[in-house]
Amino acid sequence: MGRLVHLGIHVEDMERAKKFYGEVFGWSFQDWSDFAGMPYLGA
């Protein structure tokens, strides 16, 4: 099986989502909003 490359998760509360996914999966986040032209984070 290949590796996960892209997964979009739409959320209403970005800070809450960052806290949840950071705790559950150990993810850290990078702000890619300037590149995307909208609020957008890479994990």
PDB file of N, CA and C in Angstrom:
ATOM      1  N   MET A   1       0.847  -1.175   0.000  1.00  0.00           N
ATOM      2  CA  MET A   1       0.000   0.000   0.000  1.00  0.00           C
ATOM      3  C   MET A   1       0.891   1.235   0.000  1.00  0.00           C
ATOM      4  N   GLY A   2       0.505   2.235  -0.770  1.00  0.00           N
ATOM      5  CA  GLY A   2       1.257   3.484  -0.841  1.00  0.00           C
ATOM      6  C   GLY A   2       1.053   4.332   0.405  1.00  0.00           C
ATOM      7  N   ARG A   3       1.777   5.418   0.469  1.00  0.00           N
ATOM      8  CA  ARG A   3       1.662   6.308   1.612  1.00  0.00           C
ATOM      9  C   ARG A   3       0.620   7.391   1.342  1.00  0.00           C
ATOM     10  N   LEU A   4       0.057   7.924   2.394  1.00  0.00           N
ATOM     11  CA  LEU A   4      -0.906   9.006   2.291  1.00  0.00           C
ATOM     12  C   LEU A   4      -0.173  10.262   1.848  1.00  0.00           C
ATOM     13  N   VAL A   5      -0.668  10.914   0.813  1.00  0.00           N
ATOM     14  CA  VAL A   5      -0.031  12.108   0.279  1.00  0.00           C
ATOM     15  C   VAL A   5      -0.866  13.350   0.574  1.00  0.00           C
ATOM     16  N   HIS A   6      -2.181  13.251   0.469  1.00  0.00           N
ATOM     17  CA  HIS A   6      -3.039  14.418   0.677  1.00  0.00           C
ATOM     18  C   HIS A   6      -4.345  13.973   1.301  1.00  0.00           C
ATOM     19  N   LEU A   7      -4.759  14.712   2.307  1.00  0.00           N
ATOM     20  CA  LEU A   7      -6.049  14.475   2.950  1.00  0.00           C
ATOM     21  C   LEU A   7      -6.588  15.834   3.354  1.00  0.00           C
ATOM     22  N   GLY A   8      -7.744  16.188   2.871  1.00  0.00           N
ATOM     23  CA  GLY A   8      -8.360  17.465   3.237  1.00  0.00           C
ATOM     24  C   GLY A   8      -9.310  17.269   4.399  1.00  0.00           C
ATOM     25  N   ILE A   9      -9.142  18.062   5.439  1.00  0.00           N
ATOM     26  CA  ILE A   9     -10.033  18.022   6.592  1.00  0.00           C
ATOM     27  C   ILE A   9     -10.592  19.426   6.769  1.00  0.00           C
ATOM     28  N   HIS A  10     -11.870  19.593   6.538  1.00  0.00           N
ATOM     29  CA  HIS A  10     -12.517  20.903   6.653  1.00  0.00           C
ATOM     30  C   HIS A  10     -13.005  21.072   8.086  1.00  0.00           C
ATOM     31  N   VAL A  11     -12.626  22.172   8.713  1.00  0.00           N
ATOM     32  CA  VAL A  11     -12.991  22.413  10.105  1.00  0.00           C
ATOM     33  C   VAL A  11     -13.509  23.833  10.278  1.00  0.00           C
ATOM     34  N   GLU A  12     -14.298  24.044  11.311  1.00  0.00           N
ATOM     35  CA  GLU A  12     -14.779  25.383  11.648  1.00  0.00           C
ATOM     36  C   GLU A  12     -13.861  26.052  12.661  1.00  0.00           C
ATOM     37  N   ASP A  13     -13.219  25.275  13.521  1.00  0.00           N
ATOM     38  CA  ASP A  13     -12.366  25.817  14.576  1.00  0.00           C
ATOM     39  C   ASP A  13     -10.950  25.281  14.374  1.00  0.00           C
ATOM     40  N   MET A  14     -10.116  26.075  13.689  1.00  0.00           N
ATOM     41  CA  MET A  14      -8.768  25.644  13.316  1.00  0.00           C
ATOM     42  C   MET A  14      -7.909  25.329  14.537  1.00  0.00           C
ATOM     43  N   GLU A  15      -7.969  26.166  15.560  1.00  0.00           N
ATOM     44  CA  GLU A  15      -7.145  25.934  16.748  1.00  0.00           C
ATOM     45  C   GLU A  15      -7.541  24.646  17.461  1.00  0.00           C
ATOM     46  N   ARG A  16      -8.835  24.391  17.539  1.00  0.00           N
ATOM     47  CA  ARG A  16      -9.314  23.155  18.165  1.00  0.00           C
ATOM     48  C   ARG A  16      -8.863  21.931  17.365  1.00  0.00           C
ATOM     49  N   ALA A  17      -8.943  22.026  16.043  1.00  0.00           N
ATOM     50  CA  ALA A  17      -8.518  20.924  15.186  1.00  0.00           C
ATOM     51  C   ALA A  17      -7.010  20.678  15.310  1.00  0.00           C
ATOM     52  N   LYS A  18      -6.222  21.747  15.340  1.00  0.00           N
ATOM     53  CA  LYS A  18      -4.771  21.595  15.502  1.00  0.00           C
ATOM     54  C   LYS A  18      -4.444  20.897  16.813  1.00  0.00           C
ATOM     55  N   LYS A  19      -5.127  21.295  17.881  1.00  0.00           N
ATOM     56  CA  LYS A  19      -4.894  20.666  19.185  1.00  0.00           C
ATOM     57  C   LYS A  19      -5.261  19.181  19.137  1.00  0.00           C
ATOM     58  N   PHE A  20      -6.439  18.876  18.586  1.00  0.00           N
ATOM     59  CA  PHE A  20      -6.897  17.485  18.522  1.00  0.00           C
ATOM     60  C   PHE A  20      -5.953  16.613  17.703  1.00  0.00           C
ATOM     61  N   TYR A  21      -5.684  17.000  16.457  1.00  0.00           N
ATOM     62  CA  TYR A  21      -4.846  16.172  15.590  1.00  0.00           C
ATOM     63  C   TYR A  21      -3.399  16.136  16.059  1.00  0.00           C
ATOM     64  N   GLY A  22      -2.939  17.213  16.675  1.00  0.00           N
ATOM     65  CA  GLY A  22      -1.603  17.219  17.242  1.00  0.00           C
ATOM     66  C   GLY A  22      -1.468  16.213  18.368  1.00  0.00           C
ATOM     67  N   GLU A  23      -2.482  16.141  19.232  1.00  0.00           N
ATOM     68  CA  GLU A  23      -2.451  15.205  20.352  1.00  0.00           C
ATOM     69  C   GLU A  23      -2.661  13.762  19.903  1.00  0.00           C
ATOM     70  N   VAL A  24      -3.604  13.545  19.006  1.00  0.00           N
ATOM     71  CA  VAL A  24      -3.943  12.178  18.577  1.00  0.00           C
ATOM     72  C   VAL A  24      -2.852  11.563  17.697  1.00  0.00           C
ATOM     73  N   PHE A  25      -2.340  12.330  16.716  1.00  0.00           N
ATOM     74  CA  PHE A  25      -1.387  11.793  15.752  1.00  0.00           C
ATOM     75  C   PHE A  25       0.033  12.319  15.920  1.00  0.00           C
ATOM     76  N   GLY A  26       0.229  13.270  16.818  1.00  0.00           N
ATOM     77  CA  GLY A  26       1.551  13.850  17.003  1.00  0.00           C
ATOM     78  C   GLY A  26       1.954  14.777  15.872  1.00  0.00           C
ATOM     79  N   TRP A  27       0.971  15.300  15.140  1.00  0.00           N
ATOM     80  CA  TRP A  27       1.248  16.170  13.999  1.00  0.00           C
ATOM     81  C   TRP A  27       1.672  17.556  14.459  1.00  0.00           C
ATOM     82  N   SER A  28       2.531  18.181  13.688  1.00  0.00           N
ATOM     83  CA  SER A  28       2.830  19.599  13.831  1.00  0.00           C
ATOM     84  C   SER A  28       2.328  20.271  12.555  1.00  0.00           C
ATOM     85  N   PHE A  29       2.176  21.585  12.566  1.00  0.00           N
ATOM     86  CA  PHE A  29       1.513  22.262  11.459  1.00  0.00           C
ATOM     87  C   PHE A  29       2.330  23.415  10.924  1.00  0.00           C
ATOM     88  N   GLN A  30       2.191  23.651   9.620  1.00  0.00           N
ATOM     89  CA  GLN A  30       2.814  24.783   8.942  1.00  0.00           C
ATOM     90  C   GLN A  30       1.708  25.581   8.268  1.00  0.00           C
ATOM     91  N   ASP A  31       1.792  26.892   8.370  1.00  0.00           N
ATOM     92  CA  ASP A  31       0.788  27.761   7.760  1.00  0.00           C
ATOM     93  C   ASP A  31       1.130  27.978   6.285  1.00  0.00           C
ATOM     94  N   TRP A  32       0.277  27.474   5.403  1.00  0.00           N
ATOM     95  CA  TRP A  32       0.458  27.601   3.953  1.00  0.00           C
ATOM     96  C   TRP A  32      -0.587  28.543   3.360  1.00  0.00           C
ATOM     97  N   SER A  33      -1.157  29.409   4.172  1.00  0.00           N
ATOM     98  CA  SER A  33      -2.234  30.290   3.719  1.00  0.00           C
ATOM     99  C   SER A  33      -1.804  31.203   2.577  1.00  0.00           C
ATOM    100  N   ASP A  34      -0.590  31.736   2.628  1.00  0.00           N
ATOM    101  CA  ASP A  34      -0.126  32.620   1.552  1.00  0.00           C
ATOM    102  C   ASP A  34      -0.077  31.890   0.222  1.00  0.00           C
ATOM    103  N   PHE A  35       0.355  30.652   0.221  1.00  0.00           N
ATOM    104  CA  PHE A  35       0.430  29.847  -0.986  1.00  0.00           C
ATOM    105  C   PHE A  35      -0.968  29.491  -1.504  1.00  0.00           C
ATOM    106  N   ALA A  36      -1.867  29.128  -0.574  1.00  0.00           N
ATOM    107  CA  ALA A  36      -3.198  28.657  -0.953  1.00  0.00           C
ATOM    108  C   ALA A  36      -4.167  29.793  -1.243  1.00  0.00           C
ATOM    109  N   GLY A  37      -3.895  30.987  -0.716  1.00  0.00           N
ATOM    110  CA  GLY A  37      -4.816  32.097  -0.907  1.00  0.00           C
ATOM    111  C   GLY A  37      -6.040  32.033  -0.014  1.00  0.00           C
ATOM    112  N   MET A  38      -5.987  31.206   1.017  1.00  0.00           N
ATOM    113  CA  MET A  38      -7.065  31.069   1.997  1.00  0.00           C
ATOM    114  C   MET A  38      -6.452  30.429   3.226  1.00  0.00           C
ATOM    115  N   PRO A  39      -7.180  30.406   4.356  1.00  0.00           N
ATOM    116  CA  PRO A  39      -6.619  29.726   5.524  1.00  0.00           C
ATOM    117  C   PRO A  39      -6.336  28.252   5.196  1.00  0.00           C
ATOM    118  N   TYR A  40      -5.081  27.835   5.362  1.00  0.00           N
ATOM    119  CA  TYR A  40      -4.684  26.486   4.945  1.00  0.00           C
ATOM    120  C   TYR A  40      -3.456  26.078   5.742  1.00  0.00           C
ATOM    121  N   LEU A  41      -3.499  24.909   6.337  1.00  0.00           N
ATOM    122  CA  LEU A  41      -2.364  24.391   7.095  1.00  0.00           C
ATOM    123  C   LEU A  41      -1.898  23.079   6.512  1.00  0.00           C
ATOM    124  N   GLY A  42      -0.605  22.867   6.541  1.00  0.00           N
ATOM    125  CA  GLY A  42      -0.019  21.578   6.188  1.00  0.00           C
ATOM    126  C   GLY A  42       0.391  20.901   7.473  1.00  0.00           C
ATOM    127  N   ALA A  43       0.232  19.610   7.529  1.00  0.00           N
ATOM    128  CA  ALA A  43       0.588  18.844   8.743  1.00  0.00           C
ATOM    129  C   ALA A  43       1.786  17.962   8.471  1.00  0.00           C
TER     130      ALA A  43
END
